[in-house]
Protein backbone atom coordinates (compact mmCIF):
# COMPACT_ATOMS: atom_id res chain seq x y z
CA MET A 1 -3.46 14.09 7.95
CA PRO A 2 -6.08 14.85 5.05
CA SER A 3 -9.61 14.49 6.36
CA ALA A 4 -12.28 11.88 5.22
CA THR A 5 -13.94 14.14 3.43
CA ASN A 6 -11.24 15.17 1.05
CA SER A 7 -9.06 12.01 0.95
CA PRO A 8 -9.12 9.16 -1.06
CA SER A 9 -11.09 6.94 1.55
CA VAL A 10 -13.62 5.25 -1.04
CA ARG A 11 -11.27 2.68 -3.18
CA ARG A 12 -11.88 1.47 -6.78
CA SER A 13 -14.64 -0.98 -8.12
CA ALA A 14 -15.30 -1.58 -11.59
CA THR A 15 -16.48 -3.72 -13.94
CA PRO A 16 -14.58 -4.71 -17.14
CA ARG A 17 -16.16 -5.89 -20.55
CA ALA A 18 -15.60 -9.64 -20.08
CA GLY A 19 -16.43 -10.11 -16.52
CA ARG A 20 -16.79 -8.49 -13.06
CA TRP A 21 -14.18 -7.21 -10.72
CA ILE A 22 -14.75 -6.49 -6.95
CA GLU A 23 -12.57 -5.12 -4.78
CA SER A 24 -12.23 -3.50 -1.26
CA SER A 25 -9.48 -1.77 0.09
CA GLN A 26 -9.31 -0.57 3.80
CA ALA A 27 -7.88 0.47 6.63
CA PRO A 28 -5.22 3.32 5.20
CA GLU A 29 -2.07 4.44 6.66
CA ILE A 30 -1.90 7.90 5.45
CA THR A 31 1.41 10.02 6.21
CA LEU A 32 1.26 13.66 5.72
CA THR A 33 4.78 14.65 4.35
CA SER A 34 3.97 18.56 3.74
CA ALA A 35 0.79 20.83 3.63
CA THR A 36 0.20 19.73 0.23
CA THR A 37 1.82 16.10 -0.16
CA ALA A 38 0.97 12.69 1.53
CA THR A 39 1.64 9.09 1.00
CA GLY A 40 -0.64 6.33 2.02
CA ILE A 41 -0.62 2.15 2.18
CA TRP A 42 -4.03 0.60 1.65
CA ALA A 43 -4.67 -3.05 2.33
CA LEU A 44 -6.51 -4.37 -0.46
CA GLU A 45 -8.61 -8.05 -1.43
CA ASP A 46 -10.04 -8.22 -4.89
CA THR A 47 -12.13 -10.99 -6.88
CA VAL A 48 -11.83 -11.08 -10.76
CA ASP A 49 -14.66 -13.13 -12.30
CA LEU A 50 -14.00 -14.11 -15.77
CA THR A 51 -17.09 -16.67 -15.93
CA PRO A 52 -17.28 -18.94 -17.77
CA ALA A 53 -13.79 -19.17 -17.78
CA ILE A 54 -11.86 -18.59 -14.83
CA GLY A 55 -11.27 -16.23 -12.20
CA MET A 56 -8.75 -14.79 -9.65
CA HIS A 57 -8.54 -13.92 -5.96
CA GLY A 58 -5.91 -12.07 -4.48
CA ALA A 59 -4.57 -9.55 -1.68
CA GLY A 60 -2.13 -6.98 -1.52
CA HIS A 61 -1.61 -3.28 -0.80
CA TYR A 62 -1.67 0.07 -3.00
CA HIS A 63 1.14 2.20 -2.01
CA GLU A 64 0.08 5.82 -3.38
CA THR A 65 1.09 9.14 -3.08
CA TYR A 66 -1.23 12.20 -2.79
CA VAL A 67 -1.00 15.94 -3.58
CA LYS A 68 -3.46 18.70 -2.68
CA ILE A 69 -4.16 21.07 -5.67
CA ASP A 70 -6.83 23.82 -5.18
CA GLY A 71 -7.92 23.00 -1.75
CA GLN A 72 -8.33 18.68 -3.34
CA TRP A 73 -6.33 15.95 -2.50
CA ARG A 74 -5.45 14.11 -5.51
CA ILE A 75 -3.87 10.52 -6.11
CA LYS A 76 -0.76 11.40 -7.71
CA SER A 77 0.78 7.66 -8.35
CA SER A 78 -0.54 4.23 -7.20
CA LYS A 79 1.62 0.79 -7.17
CA LEU A 80 -0.16 -2.29 -6.44
CA THR A 81 2.03 -4.72 -5.03
CA ARG A 82 0.30 -8.08 -4.68
CA LEU A 83 1.00 -10.64 -1.39
CA ARG A 84 -1.27 -13.41 -2.52
CA GLN A 85 -2.70 -14.20 -6.02
CA GLU A 86 -4.80 -17.39 -6.20
CA LEU A 87 -6.71 -18.71 -9.72
CA ILE A 88 -10.13 -20.06 -8.96
CA SER A 89 -12.63 -21.78 -11.32
CA PRO A 90 -16.10 -20.17 -11.01
CA ALA A 91 -17.96 -23.29 -10.24
CA THR A 92 -15.59 -24.17 -7.10
CA SER A 93 -15.61 -20.51 -6.21
CA ILE A 94 -19.39 -21.04 -4.96
CA PRO A 95 -19.28 -22.15 -0.91
CA ASP A 96 -22.08 -25.21 -1.41
CA VAL A 97 -20.46 -26.24 -4.78
CA LYS A 98 -17.20 -26.62 -2.77
CA LYS A 99 -18.57 -28.56 -0.14
CA ALA A 100 -20.30 -30.69 -2.30
CA LEU A 101 -17.29 -31.40 -4.11
CA ALA A 102 -15.21 -32.19 -0.67
CA THR A 103 -18.22 -34.54 0.54
CA ALA A 104 -17.69 -36.06 -2.66
CA LYS A 105 -13.97 -36.61 -2.22
CA GLN A 106 -14.79 -38.38 1.32
CA ARG A 107 -16.88 -40.87 0.05
């Protein structure tokens, strides 16, 4: 199995022009299929913040294949499958605002 120092153990994080994208991928299941190839599945949770318009919170898995070239592991292919996708309003995604809205509904 690829070691932590030469495998794709740190996942993506980016800042798109229109907002913010925060992603956490962890708990990889990596299977060595030969001396120079491997497959992996990563659990994913992400939030896309397109304030002030809307946002998205989701979860799923990355299904990837890896190849070892010149002693370095590289991602050969990557496919994201989503298990959950929830559209969120930026105002209602803030915990204090959610609490205030829930309290107001109870009155």
